[in-house]
Amino acid sequence: MDEPENGPRGAPLRTVDVARVSGYSLQQVRDLERLGVIPTAARSGNGYRSYTTVHVTALRAYRGLAAAVGPVAARRMLPELRTATITEAASAVSALHVQLTRERDEALLAQEALRAARAEVDASASERESDAMTITELAGALAVRPSTLRFWEQEGLLVPERVTSLRARRYGLPAVRTARIVAALRGAGYGIPAVREILGSLQGPAGPEETRRILAHRLDQVAARTVALLRAGSDLAAVVLYERETDAG
């Protein structure tokens, strides 16, 4: 039960107060409490919810985290941060920054691959044996599973060379460049048919420009998510420290 909207001023925050300050609806506040995203509200003698500024801070932390990693991941992560040790919580947040840095690097490498692919006149003449990668090396460079590269091959997105004797996959520079572009497009949310169409259009005059636009937008998205995570930092720290102070008290 929620406290009536005309509850007394100066009292602990009502659901409507928290909703007004946080920008969430009444139902969203209740749902996020039920999911453990924010601490459980105290109940007054008559059963009404009684919130504090801690709940508002937790909602701000959730908003920033959701903007950085998505609402599903944020709903899963914030309850974990609230119960983790300070070391575990700090490590989890640091891992998010590392993930965003990796996504940014992937997009930048894809841009370089696109420029190299367009500038290359004769890939076979300029390619060196040492530039080729095995499937394990390429998967590691892209932070994907080898099975993902096999799937892209099955879908016609990536064509590796093969060592005839062992049937082992070998990826020359053209394939490595294509793989970087595919990884960036998939990371940006493009489905297999769309990626296939984009790769096919690279041979036309408009294709490279559209791919450049997509990759630039990808970098803008990563930058916006990084800023959101930075903004959420103090609120996330407050949530983590509040739980520890409460336990200590």
C-alpha atoms as a PDB file:
ATOM      1  CA  MET A   1       0.000   0.000   0.000  1.00  0.00           C
ATOM      2  CA  ASP A   2       1.265   3.497  -0.865  1.00  0.00           C
ATOM      3  CA  GLU A   3       0.831   6.532   1.309  1.00  0.00           C
ATOM      4  CA  PRO A   4      -1.899   8.880   0.006  1.00  0.00           C
ATOM      5  CA  GLU A   5      -0.628  11.714  -2.172  1.00  0.00           C
ATOM      6  CA  ASN A   6      -1.790  14.284   0.359  1.00  0.00           C
ATOM      7  CA  GLY A   7       0.495  12.913   3.069  1.00  0.00           C
ATOM      8  CA  PRO A   8       2.218  15.313   5.473  1.00  0.00           C
ATOM      9  CA  ARG A   9       5.087  17.480   4.276  1.00  0.00           C
ATOM     10  CA  GLY A  10       8.455  16.916   5.912  1.00  0.00           C
ATOM     11  CA  ALA A  11       7.678  13.256   6.569  1.00  0.00           C
ATOM     12  CA  PRO A  12       9.702  10.428   4.975  1.00  0.00           C
ATOM     13  CA  LEU A  13       9.216  10.408   1.232  1.00  0.00           C
ATOM     14  CA  ARG A  14       6.036   8.945  -0.194  1.00  0.00           C
ATOM     15  CA  THR A  15       5.905   6.925  -3.394  1.00  0.00           C
ATOM     16  CA  VAL A  16       4.547   9.952  -5.239  1.00  0.00           C
ATOM     17  CA  ASP A  17       7.411  12.093  -3.907  1.00  0.00           C
ATOM     18  CA  VAL A  18      10.030   9.615  -5.098  1.00  0.00           C
ATOM     19  CA  ALA A  19       8.330   9.340  -8.485  1.00  0.00           C
ATOM     20  CA  ARG A  20       8.212  13.109  -8.879  1.00  0.00           C
ATOM     21  CA  VAL A  21      11.874  13.628  -7.976  1.00  0.00           C
ATOM     22  CA  SER A  22      13.232  10.642  -9.916  1.00  0.00           C
ATOM     23  CA  GLY A  23      11.131  11.031 -13.039  1.00  0.00           C
ATOM     24  CA  TYR A  24       9.834   7.478 -12.828  1.00  0.00           C
ATOM     25  CA  SER A  25       6.146   6.585 -12.626  1.00  0.00           C
ATOM     26  CA  LEU A  26       4.569   5.298  -9.425  1.00  0.00           C
ATOM     27  CA  GLN A  27       4.406   1.802 -10.887  1.00  0.00           C
ATOM     28  CA  GLN A  28       8.031   1.906 -12.022  1.00  0.00           C
ATOM     29  CA  VAL A  29       9.144   2.858  -8.502  1.00  0.00           C
ATOM     30  CA  ARG A  30       7.178  -0.066  -7.062  1.00  0.00           C
ATOM     31  CA  ASP A  31       8.488  -2.471  -9.717  1.00  0.00           C
ATOM     32  CA  LEU A  32      12.128  -1.445  -9.216  1.00  0.00           C
ATOM     33  CA  GLU A  33      11.708  -1.923  -5.468  1.00  0.00           C
ATOM     34  CA  ARG A  34      10.168  -5.349  -6.038  1.00  0.00           C
ATOM     35  CA  LEU A  35      13.100  -6.320  -8.285  1.00  0.00           C
ATOM     36  CA  GLY A  36      15.613  -5.257  -5.627  1.00  0.00           C
ATOM     37  CA  VAL A  37      17.020  -2.447  -7.751  1.00  0.00           C
ATOM     38  CA  ILE A  38      16.349  -0.034  -4.894  1.00  0.00           C
ATOM     39  CA  PRO A  39      16.272  -0.972  -1.190  1.00  0.00           C
ATOM     40  CA  THR A  40      13.024  -2.206   0.277  1.00  0.00           C
ATOM     41  CA  ALA A  41      11.029   0.710   1.635  1.00  0.00           C
ATOM     42  CA  ALA A  42      10.162   0.787   5.316  1.00  0.00           C
ATOM     43  CA  ARG A  43       6.495   0.437   6.204  1.00  0.00           C
ATOM     44  CA  SER A  44       4.662   2.712   8.576  1.00  0.00           C
ATOM     45  CA  GLY A  45       2.225   1.402  11.134  1.00  0.00           C
ATOM     46  CA  ASN A  46      -0.646   1.679   8.684  1.00  0.00           C
ATOM     47  CA  GLY A  47       1.301  -0.195   5.980  1.00  0.00           C
ATOM     48  CA  TYR A  48       2.261   2.725   3.736  1.00  0.00           C
ATOM     49  CA  ARG A  49       5.649   2.749   2.032  1.00  0.00           C
ATOM     50  CA  SER A  50       8.171   5.152   3.521  1.00  0.00           C
ATOM     51  CA  TYR A  51      11.133   6.086   1.332  1.00  0.00           C
ATOM     52  CA  THR A  52      14.257   8.174   1.949  1.00  0.00           C
ATOM     53  CA  THR A  53      16.728  10.068  -0.198  1.00  0.00           C
ATOM     54  CA  VAL A  54      18.706   6.815  -0.444  1.00  0.00           C
ATOM     55  CA  HIS A  55      15.970   5.432  -2.682  1.00  0.00           C
ATOM     56  CA  VAL A  56      16.144   8.500  -4.895  1.00  0.00           C
ATOM     57  CA  THR A  57      19.921   8.084  -5.182  1.00  0.00           C
ATOM     58  CA  ALA A  58      19.475   4.413  -6.077  1.00  0.00           C
ATOM     59  CA  LEU A  59      17.007   5.355  -8.817  1.00  0.00           C
ATOM     60  CA  ARG A  60      19.460   7.900 -10.229  1.00  0.00           C
ATOM     61  CA  ALA A  61      22.164   5.247 -10.174  1.00  0.00           C
ATOM     62  CA  TYR A  62      19.855   2.860 -12.019  1.00  0.00           C
ATOM     63  CA  ARG A  63      19.016   5.472 -14.650  1.00  0.00           C
ATOM     64  CA  GLY A  64      22.682   6.131 -15.378  1.00  0.00           C
ATOM     65  CA  LEU A  65      23.587   2.455 -15.357  1.00  0.00           C
ATOM     66  CA  ALA A  66      20.684   1.631 -17.684  1.00  0.00           C
ATOM     67  CA  ALA A  67      21.857   4.325 -20.110  1.00  0.00           C
ATOM     68  CA  ALA A  68      25.354   2.804 -20.060  1.00  0.00           C
ATOM     69  CA  VAL A  69      24.631  -0.928 -20.299  1.00  0.00           C
ATOM     70  CA  GLY A  70      20.899  -1.229 -20.964  1.00  0.00           C
ATOM     71  CA  PRO A  71      17.970  -1.675 -18.555  1.00  0.00           C
ATOM     72  CA  VAL A  72      18.113  -5.478 -18.434  1.00  0.00           C
ATOM     73  CA  ALA A  73      21.779  -5.546 -17.421  1.00  0.00           C
ATOM     74  CA  ALA A  74      21.236  -2.636 -15.013  1.00  0.00           C
ATOM     75  CA  ARG A  75      18.336  -4.403 -13.271  1.00  0.00           C
ATOM     76  CA  ARG A  76      20.548  -7.441 -12.800  1.00  0.00           C
ATOM     77  CA  MET A  77      23.666  -5.565 -11.768  1.00  0.00           C
ATOM     78  CA  LEU A  78      22.417  -2.993  -9.273  1.00  0.00           C
ATOM     79  CA  PRO A  79      21.050  -5.512  -6.754  1.00  0.00           C
ATOM     80  CA  GLU A  80      24.383  -7.342  -7.026  1.00  0.00           C
ATOM     81  CA  LEU A  81      26.283  -4.120  -6.323  1.00  0.00           C
ATOM     82  CA  ARG A  82      24.131  -3.467  -3.280  1.00  0.00           C
ATOM     83  CA  THR A  83      25.089  -6.805  -1.712  1.00  0.00           C
ATOM     84  CA  ALA A  84      28.668  -7.119  -2.983  1.00  0.00           C
ATOM     85  CA  THR A  85      31.787  -6.156  -1.080  1.00  0.00           C
ATOM     86  CA  ILE A  86      33.329  -2.803  -1.941  1.00  0.00           C
ATOM     87  CA  THR A  87      36.128  -4.597  -3.783  1.00  0.00           C
ATOM     88  CA  GLU A  88      33.644  -6.650  -5.810  1.00  0.00           C
ATOM     89  CA  ALA A  89      31.504  -3.613  -6.596  1.00  0.00           C
ATOM     90  CA  ALA A  90      34.509  -1.551  -7.707  1.00  0.00           C
ATOM     91  CA  SER A  91      35.701  -4.413  -9.896  1.00  0.00           C
ATOM     92  CA  ALA A  92      32.275  -4.784 -11.524  1.00  0.00           C
ATOM     93  CA  VAL A  93      32.062  -1.082 -12.384  1.00  0.00           C
ATOM     94  CA  SER A  94      35.645  -1.086 -13.670  1.00  0.00           C
ATOM     95  CA  ALA A  95      34.741  -4.008 -15.928  1.00  0.00           C
ATOM     96  CA  LEU A  96      32.004  -1.883 -17.504  1.00  0.00           C
ATOM     97  CA  HIS A  97      34.531   0.831 -18.359  1.00  0.00           C
ATOM     98  CA  VAL A  98      36.801  -1.830 -19.877  1.00  0.00           C
ATOM     99  CA  GLN A  99      33.878  -3.175 -21.937  1.00  0.00           C
ATOM    100  CA  LEU A 100      33.050   0.275 -23.280  1.00  0.00           C
ATOM    101  CA  THR A 101      36.712   0.897 -24.116  1.00  0.00           C
ATOM    102  CA  ARG A 102      36.805  -2.400 -26.015  1.00  0.00           C
ATOM    103  CA  GLU A 103      33.676  -1.464 -27.979  1.00  0.00           C
ATOM    104  CA  ARG A 104      35.208   1.888 -28.844  1.00  0.00           C
ATOM    105  CA  ASP A 105      38.441   0.231 -29.968  1.00  0.00           C
ATOM    106  CA  GLU A 106      36.472  -2.221 -32.141  1.00  0.00           C
ATOM    107  CA  ALA A 107      34.691   0.625 -33.908  1.00  0.00           C
ATOM    108  CA  LEU A 108      37.957   2.517 -34.446  1.00  0.00           C
ATOM    109  CA  LEU A 109      39.633  -0.602 -35.842  1.00  0.00           C
ATOM    110  CA  ALA A 110      36.648  -1.167 -38.113  1.00  0.00           C
ATOM    111  CA  GLN A 111      37.051   2.383 -39.429  1.00  0.00           C
ATOM    112  CA  GLU A 112      40.714   1.700 -40.118  1.00  0.00           C
ATOM    113  CA  ALA A 113      39.808  -1.572 -41.818  1.00  0.00           C
ATOM    114  CA  LEU A 114      37.272   0.206 -43.993  1.00  0.00           C
ATOM    115  CA  ARG A 115      39.808   2.846 -45.050  1.00  0.00           C
ATOM    116  CA  ALA A 116      42.420   0.185 -45.762  1.00  0.00           C
ATOM    117  CA  ALA A 117      39.968  -1.930 -47.751  1.00  0.00           C
ATOM    118  CA  ARG A 118      39.040   1.017 -49.961  1.00  0.00           C
ATOM    119  CA  ALA A 119      42.647   2.158 -50.445  1.00  0.00           C
ATOM    120  CA  GLU A 120      43.966  -1.295 -51.204  1.00  0.00           C
ATOM    121  CA  VAL A 121      44.638  -1.864 -54.881  1.00  0.00           C
ATOM    122  CA  ASP A 122      46.012  -5.372 -54.693  1.00  0.00           C
ATOM    123  CA  ALA A 123      45.589  -7.017 -51.294  1.00  0.00           C
ATOM    124  CA  SER A 124      47.355 -10.202 -52.296  1.00  0.00           C
ATOM    125  CA  ALA A 125      50.471  -8.312 -53.369  1.00  0.00           C
ATOM    126  CA  SER A 126      50.743  -6.260 -50.213  1.00  0.00           C
ATOM    127  CA  GLU A 127      49.772  -8.998 -47.775  1.00  0.00           C
ATOM    128  CA  ARG A 128      52.511 -10.663 -45.786  1.00  0.00           C
ATOM    129  CA  GLU A 129      52.342 -14.182 -44.385  1.00  0.00           C
ATOM    130  CA  SER A 130      52.882 -12.828 -40.881  1.00  0.00           C
ATOM    131  CA  ASP A 131      49.730 -10.682 -41.191  1.00  0.00           C
ATOM    132  CA  ALA A 132      47.456 -13.733 -41.370  1.00  0.00           C
ATOM    133  CA  MET A 133      45.624 -15.009 -38.285  1.00  0.00           C
ATOM    134  CA  THR A 134      44.313 -18.347 -37.135  1.00  0.00           C
ATOM    135  CA  ILE A 135      40.712 -18.590 -36.016  1.00  0.00           C
ATOM    136  CA  THR A 136      41.827 -18.503 -32.371  1.00  0.00           C
ATOM    137  CA  GLU A 137      43.955 -15.405 -32.914  1.00  0.00           C
ATOM    138  CA  LEU A 138      41.219 -13.554 -34.780  1.00  0.00           C
ATOM    139  CA  ALA A 139      38.555 -14.487 -32.238  1.00  0.00           C
ATOM    140  CA  GLY A 140      40.820 -13.213 -29.474  1.00  0.00           C
ATOM    141  CA  ALA A 141      41.490  -9.961 -31.314  1.00  0.00           C
ATOM    142  CA  LEU A 142      37.750  -9.359 -31.751  1.00  0.00           C
ATOM    143  CA  ALA A 143      36.753 -10.627 -28.282  1.00  0.00           C
ATOM    144  CA  VAL A 144      34.334 -13.159 -29.790  1.00  0.00           C
ATOM    145  CA  ARG A 145      34.147 -16.947 -29.717  1.00  0.00           C
ATOM    146  CA  PRO A 146      35.653 -19.000 -32.564  1.00  0.00           C
ATOM    147  CA  SER A 147      32.147 -20.395 -33.057  1.00  0.00           C
ATOM    148  CA  THR A 148      31.003 -16.851 -33.865  1.00  0.00           C
ATOM    149  CA  LEU A 149      33.518 -16.637 -36.707  1.00  0.00           C
ATOM    150  CA  ARG A 150      32.321 -20.009 -38.000  1.00  0.00           C
ATOM    151  CA  PHE A 151      28.745 -18.742 -37.872  1.00  0.00           C
ATOM    152  CA  TRP A 152      29.684 -15.618 -39.846  1.00  0.00           C
ATOM    153  CA  GLU A 153      31.337 -17.900 -42.375  1.00  0.00           C
ATOM    154  CA  GLN A 154      28.173 -20.001 -42.663  1.00  0.00           C
ATOM    155  CA  GLU A 155      26.178 -16.822 -43.229  1.00  0.00           C
ATOM    156  CA  GLY A 156      28.521 -15.706 -45.996  1.00  0.00           C
ATOM    157  CA  LEU A 157      29.869 -12.703 -44.102  1.00  0.00           C
ATOM    158  CA  LEU A 158      33.443 -13.917 -43.795  1.00  0.00           C
ATOM    159  CA  VAL A 159      35.515 -16.077 -46.133  1.00  0.00           C
ATOM    160  CA  PRO A 160      38.714 -17.470 -44.599  1.00  0.00           C
ATOM    161  CA  GLU A 161      41.486 -19.238 -46.395  1.00  0.00           C
ATOM    162  CA  ARG A 162      42.121 -22.838 -45.403  1.00  0.00           C
ATOM    163  CA  VAL A 163      45.271 -24.876 -44.828  1.00  0.00           C
ATOM    164  CA  THR A 164      44.518 -27.836 -47.045  1.00  0.00           C
ATOM    165  CA  SER A 165      46.338 -30.467 -45.001  1.00  0.00           C
ATOM    166  CA  LEU A 166      44.533 -29.802 -41.714  1.00  0.00           C
ATOM    167  CA  ARG A 167      41.482 -27.907 -42.987  1.00  0.00           C
ATOM    168  CA  ALA A 168      42.433 -25.244 -40.451  1.00  0.00           C
ATOM    169  CA  ARG A 169      41.109 -21.749 -41.049  1.00  0.00           C
ATOM    170  CA  ARG A 170      43.553 -19.013 -41.943  1.00  0.00           C
ATOM    171  CA  TYR A 171      42.494 -15.374 -42.249  1.00  0.00           C
ATOM    172  CA  GLY A 172      44.505 -13.036 -44.446  1.00  0.00           C
ATOM    173  CA  LEU A 173      44.403  -9.244 -44.189  1.00  0.00           C
ATOM    174  CA  PRO A 174      41.247  -8.816 -46.326  1.00  0.00           C
ATOM    175  CA  ALA A 175      39.354 -11.314 -44.166  1.00  0.00           C
ATOM    176  CA  VAL A 176      40.660  -9.735 -40.946  1.00  0.00           C
ATOM    177  CA  ARG A 177      39.487  -6.322 -42.134  1.00  0.00           C
ATOM    178  CA  THR A 178      36.085  -7.685 -43.054  1.00  0.00           C
ATOM    179  CA  ALA A 179      35.824  -9.409 -39.666  1.00  0.00           C
ATOM    180  CA  ARG A 180      36.500  -6.118 -37.865  1.00  0.00           C
ATOM    181  CA  ILE A 181      33.737  -4.407 -39.829  1.00  0.00           C
ATOM    182  CA  VAL A 182      31.322  -7.270 -39.142  1.00  0.00           C
ATOM    183  CA  ALA A 183      32.139  -7.225 -35.422  1.00  0.00           C
ATOM    184  CA  ALA A 184      31.519  -3.484 -35.208  1.00  0.00           C
ATOM    185  CA  LEU A 185      28.234  -3.698 -37.118  1.00  0.00           C
ATOM    186  CA  ARG A 186      27.008  -6.603 -35.000  1.00  0.00           C
ATOM    187  CA  GLY A 187      28.023  -4.721 -31.858  1.00  0.00           C
ATOM    188  CA  ALA A 188      25.957  -1.774 -33.079  1.00  0.00           C
ATOM    189  CA  GLY A 189      22.901  -4.009 -33.210  1.00  0.00           C
ATOM    190  CA  TYR A 190      22.733  -4.821 -36.918  1.00  0.00           C
ATOM    191  CA  GLY A 191      21.252  -8.206 -37.783  1.00  0.00           C
ATOM    192  CA  ILE A 192      22.874 -10.695 -40.127  1.00  0.00           C
ATOM    193  CA  PRO A 193      20.805  -9.702 -43.206  1.00  0.00           C
ATOM    194  CA  ALA A 194      21.630  -6.015 -42.670  1.00  0.00           C
ATOM    195  CA  VAL A 195      25.344  -6.762 -42.217  1.00  0.00           C
ATOM    196  CA  ARG A 196      25.309  -8.874 -45.366  1.00  0.00           C
ATOM    197  CA  GLU A 197      23.685  -6.038 -47.294  1.00  0.00           C
ATOM    198  CA  ILE A 198      26.175  -3.473 -45.991  1.00  0.00           C
ATOM    199  CA  LEU A 199      29.138  -5.659 -46.872  1.00  0.00           C
ATOM    200  CA  GLY A 200      27.726  -6.176 -50.340  1.00  0.00           C
ATOM    201  CA  SER A 201      27.207  -2.455 -50.827  1.00  0.00           C
ATOM    202  CA  LEU A 202      30.851  -1.701 -50.037  1.00  0.00           C
ATOM    203  CA  GLN A 203      31.619  -2.441 -53.659  1.00  0.00           C
ATOM    204  CA  GLY A 204      29.330   0.372 -54.791  1.00  0.00           C
ATOM    205  CA  PRO A 205      29.956   4.132 -54.626  1.00  0.00           C
ATOM    206  CA  ALA A 206      27.533   4.767 -51.745  1.00  0.00           C
ATOM    207  CA  GLY A 207      28.411   1.715 -49.662  1.00  0.00           C
ATOM    208  CA  PRO A 208      31.592   2.919 -47.942  1.00  0.00           C
ATOM    209  CA  GLU A 209      30.024   6.259 -47.019  1.00  0.00           C
ATOM    210  CA  GLU A 210      27.047   4.555 -45.371  1.00  0.00           C
ATOM    211  CA  THR A 211      29.347   2.207 -43.459  1.00  0.00           C
ATOM    212  CA  ARG A 212      31.445   5.167 -42.315  1.00  0.00           C
ATOM    213  CA  ARG A 213      28.259   6.832 -41.087  1.00  0.00           C
ATOM    214  CA  ILE A 214      27.244   3.702 -39.173  1.00  0.00           C
ATOM    215  CA  LEU A 215      30.645   3.356 -37.527  1.00  0.00           C
ATOM    216  CA  ALA A 216      30.725   7.054 -36.598  1.00  0.00           C
ATOM    217  CA  HIS A 217      27.278   6.667 -35.021  1.00  0.00           C
ATOM    218  CA  ARG A 218      28.560   3.624 -33.156  1.00  0.00           C
ATOM    219  CA  LEU A 219      31.388   5.709 -31.681  1.00  0.00           C
ATOM    220  CA  ASP A 220      28.904   8.411 -30.670  1.00  0.00           C
ATOM    221  CA  GLN A 221      26.777   5.795 -28.907  1.00  0.00           C
ATOM    222  CA  VAL A 222      29.752   4.408 -26.994  1.00  0.00           C
ATOM    223  CA  ALA A 223      30.775   7.934 -25.987  1.00  0.00           C
ATOM    224  CA  ALA A 224      27.260   8.703 -24.717  1.00  0.00           C
ATOM    225  CA  ARG A 225      27.153   5.451 -22.736  1.00  0.00           C
ATOM    226  CA  THR A 226      30.576   6.189 -21.253  1.00  0.00           C
ATOM    227  CA  VAL A 227      29.454   9.637 -20.134  1.00  0.00           C
ATOM    228  CA  ALA A 228      26.300   8.116 -18.606  1.00  0.00           C
ATOM    229  CA  LEU A 229      28.430   5.655 -16.653  1.00  0.00           C
ATOM    230  CA  LEU A 230      30.703   8.446 -15.445  1.00  0.00           C
ATOM    231  CA  ARG A 231      27.704  10.476 -14.306  1.00  0.00           C
ATOM    232  CA  ALA A 232      26.292   7.467 -12.476  1.00  0.00           C
ATOM    233  CA  GLY A 233      29.583   6.891 -10.664  1.00  0.00           C
ATOM    234  CA  SER A 234      28.922   8.977  -7.559  1.00  0.00           C
ATOM    235  CA  ASP A 235      25.399   7.610  -7.200  1.00  0.00           C
ATOM    236  CA  LEU A 236      26.644   4.029  -7.573  1.00  0.00           C
ATOM    237  CA  ALA A 237      29.306   4.680  -4.926  1.00  0.00           C
ATOM    238  CA  ALA A 238      26.684   6.158  -2.587  1.00  0.00           C
ATOM    239  CA  VAL A 239      24.467   3.092  -3.003  1.00  0.00           C
ATOM    240  CA  VAL A 240      27.332   0.692  -2.307  1.00  0.00           C
ATOM    241  CA  LEU A 241      28.626   2.651   0.675  1.00  0.00           C
ATOM    242  CA  TYR A 242      25.138   3.067   2.155  1.00  0.00           C
ATOM    243  CA  GLU A 243      24.660  -0.682   2.292  1.00  0.00           C
ATOM    244  CA  ARG A 244      28.016  -1.106   4.048  1.00  0.00           C
ATOM    245  CA  GLU A 245      27.299   1.686   6.546  1.00  0.00           C
ATOM    246  CA  THR A 246      23.896   0.204   7.250  1.00  0.00           C
ATOM    247  CA  ASP A 247      25.431  -3.222   7.876  1.00  0.00           C
ATOM    248  CA  ALA A 248      28.094  -1.711  10.118  1.00  0.00           C
ATOM    249  CA  GLY A 249      25.487   0.201  12.089  1.00  0.00           C
END
